[in-house]
Amino acid sequence: MSERLDWTSLPARALRGEIVVPGDKSISHRAIMLSALADGVSRITGFLEGEDTRATARIFGQMGVCIDAPAAGERVVHGAGLRGLRAPEGVLDCANSGTAMRLLCGVLAGQAFDSTMTGDASLSKRPMRRVTDPLARMGAVIETGSDGTPPLRVRGGRPLRGIDYASPIASAQVKSAVLLAGLYAGGETRVSESRPTRDYTERMLAAFGWPIAFAPGRARLSGGHALHAVDIDVPADFSSAAFFIVAATIVPGSELTLRGVGMNPRRTGLLHVLRLMGANIAEERRHEAGGESVADLVVRYAALRGIEVPEEHVADMIDEFPALFVAAACAEGTTTIRGAAELRVKESDRIAVMAAGLRALGIRIEETPDGAVVEGGTLRGGTVESHGDHRCAMSFAIAGAVANAPVTIRDCANVATSFPGFVELANGCGLALRAA
């Protein structure tokens, strides 16, 4: 995004009420993709109206898929079938979305036509060989920049073959790209992981009728089948809920209910970690929706204590670490984070960005190659840089709620990629955010 946007976060009153955060971004991306590749008409409700997910829908529109938007949060996708995509005119712009670009690598590798994907300045710095290398083993030809970054040029018409891939990094995006390419491949495609990652792609493939076997850390499927249209109800995004979970935990006197939050077990590591730190988070009305577990979360203020974050939870909360850094800054004692090197190759180097920002607000924090050691203390006012990272920007906004003076956050425009309406929702439940 080109327009600059800065925020000021003021000390907040107790958070109260009931809120619904936007639909899950990961599920919204996948719902568009699989609906587009399915036979028949799929209806999506709860779709995230963010710039990233709209970019995914726009890309499939460029490839001939008719996608109607009868109302906000709704999409009707007229599937083209697995082999029905058309060659696009011009490049495919993934905006800020690594999910879109990496998963599309798997889809586009199986097409008969060439395509080129680009992204914004942030996405253009993100590593793509982690996806293009295993796809090359399947027979795909994807050209990257000299340092393995976008733009990506995908050569069509290459026969793909199934592989047995042991992923060296815990990444749902890598796993998903390989599985999506496996839809077009001859033989069986298997993916195994050192640590289980979120299984949205596997669950959704099964919902669309593709034969797939999966368990934590493992998945396998064969090519030669078809996807069949289904209706999808997208739950509220846990990563978006995370900012309010942390805010209600650290702002004295708070009691906040978050309705209909997606509770995929490969996504909710933050809940386990916050509870180990002493958080008071209750789950109510737990139920299933569209193959995903959903619950209302009731979060009450609680005094936190520092802990050593168990590494087994790291992969299940990789997107929530910026918010956890803020919780750690407010905890009594020291919080140690290890095994989170993946944070350094997100929309920004999230370890460096959060460490620099919290230091500017008076917190003692030591970076390590794969994490940090955070000493809890009193947050003071000041100015921090989000470096265009939406999750860091929202996390610093939460930090401002408990600082002893206003906090100005620079470069917040990219929040619209994942959480449109964040400021309005935050201010409605007790936070105090203003344009700087």
Protein backbone atom coordinates (compact mmCIF):
# COMPACT_ATOMS: atom_id res chain seq x y z
CA MET A 1 0.00 0.00 0.00
CA SER A 2 1.32 3.42 -0.85
CA GLU A 3 -0.56 5.70 1.56
CA ARG A 4 1.16 6.24 4.90
CA LEU A 5 -0.91 5.77 8.06
CA ASP A 6 0.24 6.28 11.66
CA TRP A 7 -1.71 5.62 14.85
CA THR A 8 -1.60 6.89 18.41
CA SER A 9 -2.70 4.43 21.10
CA LEU A 10 -3.80 6.02 24.37
CA PRO A 11 -4.10 4.40 27.82
CA ALA A 12 -7.37 2.42 27.76
CA ARG A 13 -10.29 1.82 30.06
CA ALA A 14 -11.39 -1.72 30.92
CA LEU A 15 -12.45 -3.71 27.84
CA ARG A 16 -16.09 -4.76 27.97
CA GLY A 17 -18.79 -6.24 25.79
CA GLU A 18 -19.05 -8.78 22.99
CA ILE A 19 -17.22 -8.56 19.68
CA VAL A 20 -16.93 -10.55 16.47
CA VAL A 21 -13.60 -10.31 14.68
CA PRO A 22 -13.37 -10.77 10.89
CA GLY A 23 -13.38 -14.17 9.19
CA ASP A 24 -10.33 -16.40 9.22
CA LYS A 25 -7.82 -15.25 6.62
CA SER A 26 -6.24 -18.67 6.04
CA ILE A 27 -9.62 -20.33 5.52
CA SER A 28 -10.88 -17.47 3.31
CA HIS A 29 -7.89 -17.86 0.96
CA ARG A 30 -8.37 -21.61 0.70
CA ALA A 31 -12.14 -21.34 0.31
CA ILE A 32 -11.71 -19.16 -2.78
CA MET A 33 -9.00 -21.39 -4.25
CA LEU A 34 -10.77 -24.73 -3.84
CA SER A 35 -14.16 -23.32 -4.82
CA ALA A 36 -12.58 -21.99 -8.01
CA LEU A 37 -11.11 -25.42 -8.80
CA ALA A 38 -14.30 -27.32 -7.94
CA ASP A 39 -17.13 -28.46 -10.16
CA GLY A 40 -20.30 -26.51 -9.34
CA VAL A 41 -21.23 -23.41 -7.35
CA SER A 42 -19.89 -22.83 -3.83
CA ARG A 43 -21.22 -20.25 -1.40
CA ILE A 44 -18.86 -18.72 1.16
CA THR A 45 -20.11 -16.84 4.23
CA GLY A 46 -17.88 -15.12 6.78
CA PHE A 47 -15.34 -14.31 4.06
CA LEU A 48 -12.65 -11.90 5.24
CA GLU A 49 -13.00 -8.60 3.37
CA GLY A 50 -9.26 -7.92 3.58
CA GLU A 51 -6.92 -6.79 0.84
CA ASP A 52 -5.03 -10.10 0.85
CA THR A 53 -8.10 -12.29 0.43
CA ARG A 54 -9.59 -9.97 -2.16
CA ALA A 55 -6.34 -10.28 -4.09
CA THR A 56 -6.79 -14.06 -4.17
CA ALA A 57 -10.35 -13.68 -5.49
CA ARG A 58 -9.18 -11.14 -8.07
CA ILE A 59 -6.44 -13.51 -9.28
CA PHE A 60 -8.92 -16.32 -9.92
CA GLY A 61 -11.14 -13.83 -11.68
CA GLN A 62 -8.20 -13.07 -13.99
CA MET A 63 -8.10 -16.80 -14.76
CA GLY A 64 -11.73 -16.92 -15.81
CA VAL A 65 -13.54 -17.84 -12.59
CA CYS A 66 -16.80 -15.98 -11.99
CA ILE A 67 -16.97 -14.83 -8.35
CA ASP A 68 -20.02 -12.87 -7.19
CA ALA A 69 -20.14 -10.78 -3.99
CA PRO A 70 -23.85 -10.44 -3.10
CA ALA A 71 -23.02 -8.85 0.30
CA ALA A 72 -20.06 -8.02 2.52
CA GLY A 73 -18.50 -11.25 3.79
CA GLU A 74 -20.21 -13.36 1.13
CA ARG A 75 -18.91 -14.87 -2.11
CA VAL A 76 -20.57 -17.11 -4.68
CA VAL A 77 -17.92 -18.94 -6.68
CA HIS A 78 -18.80 -20.58 -9.99
CA GLY A 79 -16.12 -23.25 -10.09
CA ALA A 80 -14.15 -23.81 -13.27
CA GLY A 81 -13.10 -27.35 -12.38
CA LEU A 82 -9.60 -28.63 -11.82
CA ARG A 83 -8.56 -28.09 -15.46
CA GLY A 84 -10.80 -25.13 -16.26
CA LEU A 85 -8.60 -22.13 -15.45
CA ARG A 86 -7.66 -19.85 -18.34
CA ALA A 87 -4.38 -18.09 -19.04
CA PRO A 88 -4.48 -14.65 -17.38
CA GLU A 89 -3.82 -11.38 -19.12
CA GLY A 90 -1.01 -9.64 -17.27
CA VAL A 91 0.66 -10.48 -13.98
CA LEU A 92 -1.10 -11.89 -10.93
CA ASP A 93 -0.70 -9.43 -8.04
CA CYS A 94 -0.70 -11.15 -4.63
CA ALA A 95 -0.45 -7.80 -2.78
CA ASN A 96 0.93 -8.49 0.73
CA SER A 97 -0.09 -12.15 0.91
CA GLY A 98 2.54 -14.84 1.28
CA THR A 99 -0.26 -17.37 1.70
CA ALA A 100 -1.73 -16.52 -1.70
CA MET A 101 1.61 -16.57 -3.50
CA ARG A 102 2.92 -19.79 -1.98
CA LEU A 103 -0.31 -21.76 -2.34
CA LEU A 104 -0.82 -20.48 -5.88
CA CYS A 105 2.60 -21.87 -6.77
CA GLY A 106 1.14 -25.34 -6.26
CA VAL A 107 -2.01 -24.58 -8.27
CA LEU A 108 -0.26 -22.79 -11.13
CA ALA A 109 2.44 -25.46 -11.45
CA GLY A 110 -0.28 -27.82 -12.70
CA GLN A 111 -1.70 -25.52 -15.38
CA ALA A 112 -1.14 -25.64 -19.14
CA PHE A 113 -0.27 -21.92 -19.32
CA ASP A 114 2.56 -19.69 -18.10
CA SER A 115 1.91 -17.15 -15.35
CA THR A 116 3.78 -14.51 -13.35
CA MET A 117 3.12 -13.53 -9.74
CA THR A 118 4.19 -10.31 -8.06
CA GLY A 119 3.51 -8.65 -4.71
CA ASP A 120 4.04 -5.47 -2.75
CA ALA A 121 7.40 -4.30 -1.38
CA SER A 122 7.11 -6.48 1.73
CA LEU A 123 6.10 -9.65 -0.12
CA SER A 124 8.83 -9.06 -2.68
CA LYS A 125 11.42 -9.65 0.07
CA ARG A 126 10.01 -12.94 1.34
CA PRO A 127 11.71 -16.29 0.64
CA MET A 128 10.01 -18.49 -1.96
CA ARG A 129 12.54 -21.27 -2.57
CA ARG A 130 11.09 -23.12 0.40
CA VAL A 131 8.10 -23.69 -1.92
CA THR A 132 9.69 -23.69 -5.36
CA ASP A 133 12.34 -26.30 -4.43
CA PRO A 134 9.92 -29.12 -3.48
CA LEU A 135 7.69 -28.22 -6.44
CA ALA A 136 10.72 -28.53 -8.72
CA ARG A 137 11.15 -32.08 -7.43
CA MET A 138 7.60 -32.71 -8.67
CA GLY A 139 8.54 -31.44 -12.14
CA ALA A 140 7.44 -27.81 -11.83
CA VAL A 141 9.48 -25.00 -13.37
CA ILE A 142 9.23 -21.79 -11.31
CA GLU A 143 11.74 -19.00 -11.79
CA THR A 144 12.46 -16.62 -8.90
CA GLY A 145 14.61 -13.56 -8.45
CA SER A 146 18.33 -14.14 -7.92
CA ASP A 147 17.84 -14.33 -4.15
CA GLY A 148 14.81 -16.63 -4.30
CA THR A 149 12.24 -13.86 -3.93
CA PRO A 150 9.36 -12.66 -6.17
CA PRO A 151 8.45 -12.06 -8.89
CA LEU A 152 7.77 -15.71 -9.67
CA ARG A 153 7.42 -17.02 -13.23
CA VAL A 154 5.59 -20.34 -13.42
CA ARG A 155 6.04 -22.33 -16.63
CA GLY A 156 2.94 -24.25 -17.63
CA GLY A 157 2.51 -27.54 -19.44
CA ARG A 158 4.94 -29.49 -17.23
CA PRO A 159 3.80 -32.94 -16.14
CA LEU A 160 3.93 -33.30 -12.37
CA ARG A 161 4.71 -36.41 -10.38
CA GLY A 162 3.93 -37.20 -6.77
CA ILE A 163 6.78 -37.12 -4.25
CA ASP A 164 7.43 -38.09 -0.66
CA TYR A 165 8.49 -34.79 0.90
CA ALA A 166 9.88 -34.36 4.40
CA SER A 167 9.62 -30.62 5.00
CA PRO A 168 12.69 -29.22 6.79
CA ILE A 169 10.65 -26.30 8.16
CA ALA A 170 7.31 -26.24 9.95
CA SER A 171 5.22 -24.34 7.40
CA ALA A 172 1.59 -24.91 6.50
CA GLN A 173 2.15 -22.85 3.35
CA VAL A 174 4.89 -25.18 2.09
CA LYS A 175 2.83 -28.26 2.93
CA SER A 176 -0.23 -26.79 1.23
CA ALA A 177 1.65 -25.84 -1.94
CA VAL A 178 2.93 -29.40 -2.33
CA LEU A 179 -0.51 -30.91 -1.67
CA LEU A 180 -2.20 -28.58 -4.16
CA ALA A 181 0.36 -29.48 -6.80
CA GLY A 182 -0.38 -33.10 -5.91
CA LEU A 183 -3.93 -32.65 -7.20
CA TYR A 184 -2.39 -32.38 -10.68
CA ALA A 185 0.38 -34.96 -10.20
CA GLY A 186 0.62 -38.56 -11.24
CA GLY A 187 0.88 -40.99 -8.36
CA GLU A 188 0.81 -40.26 -4.65
CA THR A 189 2.08 -37.13 -2.92
CA ARG A 190 3.14 -37.39 0.72
CA VAL A 191 4.21 -34.61 3.07
CA SER A 192 5.67 -35.09 6.54
CA GLU A 193 6.70 -32.38 9.00
CA SER A 194 9.07 -32.24 11.95
CA ARG A 195 6.36 -30.34 13.84
CA PRO A 196 2.67 -30.45 12.95
CA THR A 197 1.31 -27.27 11.35
CA ARG A 198 -2.23 -26.06 10.76
CA ASP A 199 -4.30 -28.44 8.65
CA TYR A 200 -6.76 -26.09 6.96
CA THR A 201 -5.86 -27.28 3.46
CA GLU A 202 -6.28 -30.95 4.38
CA ARG A 203 -9.64 -30.38 6.08
CA MET A 204 -10.95 -28.31 3.20
CA LEU A 205 -9.79 -30.75 0.53
CA ALA A 206 -11.71 -33.46 2.38
CA ALA A 207 -14.78 -31.18 2.60
CA PHE A 208 -14.62 -30.70 -1.19
CA GLY A 209 -14.60 -34.48 -1.66
CA TRP A 210 -10.94 -35.12 -2.51
CA PRO A 211 -9.67 -38.39 -1.01
CA ILE A 212 -6.94 -37.41 1.47
CA ALA A 213 -5.47 -39.04 4.55
CA PHE A 214 -3.96 -36.81 7.21
CA ALA A 215 -2.89 -36.73 10.83
CA PRO A 216 -0.76 -34.25 12.79
CA GLY A 217 2.48 -33.84 10.85
CA ARG A 218 1.48 -36.09 7.92
CA ALA A 219 -0.70 -35.92 4.82
CA ARG A 220 -1.02 -37.90 1.60
CA LEU A 221 -3.21 -37.80 -1.49
CA SER A 222 -3.24 -38.98 -5.10
CA GLY A 223 -4.04 -37.11 -8.28
CA GLY A 224 -6.82 -37.94 -10.68
CA HIS A 225 -9.89 -37.00 -8.64
CA ALA A 226 -12.28 -34.03 -8.66
CA LEU A 227 -13.35 -31.30 -6.24
CA HIS A 228 -17.09 -30.84 -5.75
CA ALA A 229 -18.68 -27.54 -4.70
CA VAL A 230 -19.72 -27.09 -1.07
CA ASP A 231 -20.95 -24.20 1.07
CA ILE A 232 -18.37 -22.85 3.52
CA ASP A 233 -18.98 -20.90 6.73
CA VAL A 234 -15.70 -19.21 7.66
CA PRO A 235 -15.15 -18.90 11.44
CA ALA A 236 -13.73 -15.78 13.09
CA ASP A 237 -9.96 -15.55 12.65
CA PHE A 238 -8.04 -16.68 15.75
CA SER A 239 -5.03 -14.55 14.79
CA SER A 240 -7.25 -11.46 14.71
CA ALA A 241 -8.87 -12.48 17.99
CA ALA A 242 -5.40 -12.78 19.56
CA PHE A 243 -4.95 -9.01 19.89
CA PHE A 244 -8.18 -8.70 21.88
CA ILE A 245 -7.40 -11.82 23.94
CA VAL A 246 -4.11 -10.25 25.02
CA ALA A 247 -5.65 -6.79 25.48
CA ALA A 248 -8.43 -8.05 27.76
CA THR A 249 -5.87 -10.08 29.71
CA ILE A 250 -3.55 -7.14 30.43
CA VAL A 251 -5.96 -4.18 30.82
CA PRO A 252 -7.17 -4.15 34.46
CA GLY A 253 -10.89 -4.70 35.00
CA SER A 254 -11.54 -6.16 31.55
CA GLU A 255 -14.09 -8.82 30.68
CA LEU A 256 -14.54 -9.34 26.95
CA THR A 257 -16.40 -12.01 24.96
CA LEU A 258 -15.25 -12.94 21.45
CA ARG A 259 -17.93 -14.77 19.48
CA GLY A 260 -17.47 -17.66 17.06
CA VAL A 261 -13.67 -17.92 17.09
CA GLY A 262 -12.03 -20.68 15.04
CA MET A 263 -10.37 -23.16 17.42
CA ASN A 264 -8.36 -25.34 15.06
CA PRO A 265 -5.90 -27.14 17.39
CA ARG A 266 -3.01 -26.32 15.06
CA ARG A 267 -3.78 -22.62 15.47
CA THR A 268 -4.46 -22.05 19.17
CA GLY A 269 -1.04 -22.43 20.77
CA LEU A 270 -1.35 -18.90 22.17
CA LEU A 271 -4.20 -20.00 24.44
CA HIS A 272 -2.04 -22.73 25.99
CA VAL A 273 0.86 -20.35 26.52
CA LEU A 274 -1.22 -17.51 27.98
CA ARG A 275 -2.89 -19.94 30.37
CA LEU A 276 0.54 -21.14 31.50
CA MET A 277 1.29 -17.47 32.22
CA GLY A 278 -1.86 -17.19 34.35
CA ALA A 279 -4.45 -15.89 31.87
CA ASN A 280 -8.18 -16.33 32.56
CA ILE A 281 -9.73 -17.47 29.26
CA ALA A 282 -12.92 -19.54 29.24
CA GLU A 283 -14.40 -21.39 26.25
CA GLU A 284 -18.17 -21.48 25.79
CA ARG A 285 -20.56 -22.84 23.15
CA ARG A 286 -17.93 -25.02 21.51
CA HIS A 287 -19.25 -26.55 18.30
CA GLU A 288 -18.33 -27.61 14.76
CA ALA A 289 -18.84 -25.43 11.67
CA GLY A 290 -17.65 -26.46 8.22
CA GLY A 291 -15.29 -29.08 9.61
CA GLU A 292 -13.67 -26.59 12.01
CA SER A 293 -14.05 -26.30 15.78
CA VAL A 294 -15.54 -22.96 16.89
CA ALA A 295 -16.10 -21.43 20.35
CA ASP A 296 -16.91 -18.22 22.17
CA LEU A 297 -13.99 -16.99 24.29
CA VAL A 298 -14.58 -15.08 27.52
CA VAL A 299 -11.39 -13.27 28.55
CA ARG A 300 -10.95 -11.62 31.96
CA TYR A 301 -8.06 -9.53 33.25
CA ALA A 302 -5.38 -11.57 35.00
CA ALA A 303 -1.91 -10.90 36.37
CA LEU A 304 0.63 -12.71 34.16
CA ARG A 305 3.95 -14.28 35.09
CA GLY A 306 6.90 -14.92 32.82
CA ILE A 307 7.59 -18.46 31.60
CA GLU A 308 9.76 -20.42 29.23
CA VAL A 309 7.46 -20.85 26.22
CA PRO A 310 7.25 -24.60 25.45
CA GLU A 311 8.66 -25.20 21.98
CA GLU A 312 5.91 -27.69 21.17
CA HIS A 313 3.48 -24.75 20.97
CA VAL A 314 5.61 -22.55 18.69
CA ALA A 315 4.35 -23.80 15.32
CA ASP A 316 0.75 -23.53 16.55
CA MET A 317 1.10 -19.80 17.35
CA ILE A 318 3.59 -18.48 14.84
CA ASP A 319 1.32 -15.62 13.72
CA GLU A 320 0.43 -14.69 17.30
CA PHE A 321 3.96 -14.07 18.59
CA PRO A 322 3.84 -10.26 18.19
CA ALA A 323 0.86 -10.21 20.57
CA LEU A 324 2.65 -12.62 22.93
CA PHE A 325 5.64 -10.27 23.06
CA VAL A 326 3.31 -7.62 24.48
CA ALA A 327 1.86 -10.06 27.03
CA ALA A 328 5.43 -10.97 28.05
CA ALA A 329 6.29 -7.28 28.47
CA CYS A 330 3.39 -6.98 30.93
CA ALA A 331 4.17 -10.16 32.88
CA GLU A 332 6.02 -10.35 36.16
CA GLY A 333 9.43 -11.90 35.61
CA THR A 334 11.13 -13.17 32.47
CA THR A 335 9.63 -14.86 29.41
CA THR A 336 11.95 -16.88 27.17
CA ILE A 337 11.03 -17.68 23.56
CA ARG A 338 12.98 -20.26 21.56
CA GLY A 339 12.43 -22.17 18.32
CA ALA A 340 10.72 -19.26 16.53
CA ALA A 341 13.27 -18.43 13.82
CA GLU A 342 10.42 -18.43 11.29
CA LEU A 343 9.41 -15.04 12.73
CA ARG A 344 12.41 -13.48 11.01
CA VAL A 345 11.00 -14.16 7.51
CA LYS A 346 7.42 -12.98 7.94
CA GLU A 347 6.08 -9.66 6.62
CA SER A 348 8.98 -8.23 8.60
CA ASP A 349 11.65 -9.64 10.91
CA ARG A 350 9.09 -9.81 13.70
CA ILE A 351 11.63 -10.61 16.41
CA ALA A 352 13.67 -7.53 15.53
CA VAL A 353 10.64 -5.26 15.06
CA MET A 354 8.96 -6.23 18.33
CA ALA A 355 12.23 -6.10 20.26
CA ALA A 356 13.10 -2.63 18.97
CA GLY A 357 9.60 -1.31 19.63
CA LEU A 358 9.34 -2.68 23.15
CA ARG A 359 12.79 -1.32 24.00
CA ALA A 360 11.58 2.10 22.85
CA LEU A 361 8.73 1.69 25.34
CA GLY A 362 11.07 0.89 28.22
CA ILE A 363 11.12 -2.91 28.22
CA ARG A 364 14.37 -4.88 28.59
CA ILE A 365 14.52 -7.49 25.83
CA GLU A 366 17.36 -9.54 24.40
CA GLU A 367 17.10 -10.94 20.88
CA THR A 368 18.36 -14.43 20.08
CA PRO A 369 18.61 -16.02 16.61
CA ASP A 370 15.37 -17.95 17.13
CA GLY A 371 13.54 -15.91 19.75
CA ALA A 372 13.99 -13.48 22.61
CA VAL A 373 14.24 -13.06 26.36
CA VAL A 374 11.70 -10.52 27.60
CA GLU A 375 11.84 -9.00 31.08
CA GLY A 376 8.43 -7.75 32.15
CA GLY A 377 8.15 -4.17 33.30
CA THR A 378 6.25 -0.91 33.01
CA LEU A 379 5.47 0.26 29.50
CA ARG A 380 6.05 3.96 28.89
CA GLY A 381 4.91 6.14 26.03
CA GLY A 382 6.93 6.72 22.91
CA THR A 383 7.13 6.13 19.17
CA VAL A 384 7.59 2.71 17.57
CA GLU A 385 8.02 1.50 14.00
CA SER A 386 5.83 -1.34 12.69
CA HIS A 387 7.84 -1.54 9.43
CA GLY A 388 4.58 -2.03 7.56
CA ASP A 389 3.83 -5.30 9.38
CA HIS A 390 0.12 -5.50 10.20
CA ARG A 391 0.51 -7.85 13.17
CA CYS A 392 3.28 -5.78 14.74
CA ALA A 393 1.21 -2.61 14.29
CA MET A 394 -1.81 -4.10 16.05
CA SER A 395 0.37 -5.53 18.82
CA PHE A 396 1.90 -2.12 19.53
CA ALA A 397 -1.63 -0.70 19.61
CA ILE A 398 -2.40 -3.16 22.42
CA ALA A 399 0.81 -2.16 24.21
CA GLY A 400 -0.33 1.45 24.13
CA ALA A 401 -3.47 0.47 26.05
CA VAL A 402 -1.39 -0.23 29.19
CA ALA A 403 1.45 2.27 28.69
CA ASN A 404 1.71 5.22 31.06
CA ALA A 405 1.60 7.72 28.16
CA PRO A 406 0.49 7.67 24.50
CA VAL A 407 2.27 5.37 22.04
CA THR A 408 2.60 6.43 18.39
CA ILE A 409 2.86 3.58 15.88
CA ARG A 410 4.32 4.30 12.47
CA ASP A 411 3.32 2.68 9.16
CA CYS A 412 0.01 0.98 9.97
CA ALA A 413 -1.69 0.99 6.56
CA ASN A 414 -1.12 -2.73 5.98
CA VAL A 415 -3.49 -3.61 8.84
CA ALA A 416 -6.18 -3.53 6.15
CA THR A 417 -4.62 -6.67 4.61
CA SER A 418 -5.86 -8.85 7.46
CA PHE A 419 -8.13 -6.83 9.74
CA PRO A 420 -10.32 -4.19 8.08
CA GLY A 421 -12.19 -2.25 10.73
CA PHE A 422 -9.66 -2.96 13.50
CA VAL A 423 -9.63 0.61 14.82
CA GLU A 424 -13.42 0.86 14.99
CA LEU A 425 -13.79 -2.51 16.73
CA ALA A 426 -10.96 -1.71 19.16
CA ASN A 427 -12.40 1.67 20.11
CA GLY A 428 -15.86 0.18 20.50
CA CYS A 429 -14.79 -2.16 23.28
CA GLY A 430 -12.59 0.18 25.30
CA LEU A 431 -9.31 0.81 23.49
CA ALA A 432 -8.40 4.33 22.41
CA LEU A 433 -6.80 4.46 18.95
CA ARG A 434 -6.50 7.62 16.90
CA ALA A 435 -4.91 8.60 13.61
CA ALA A 436 -1.61 10.23 14.51
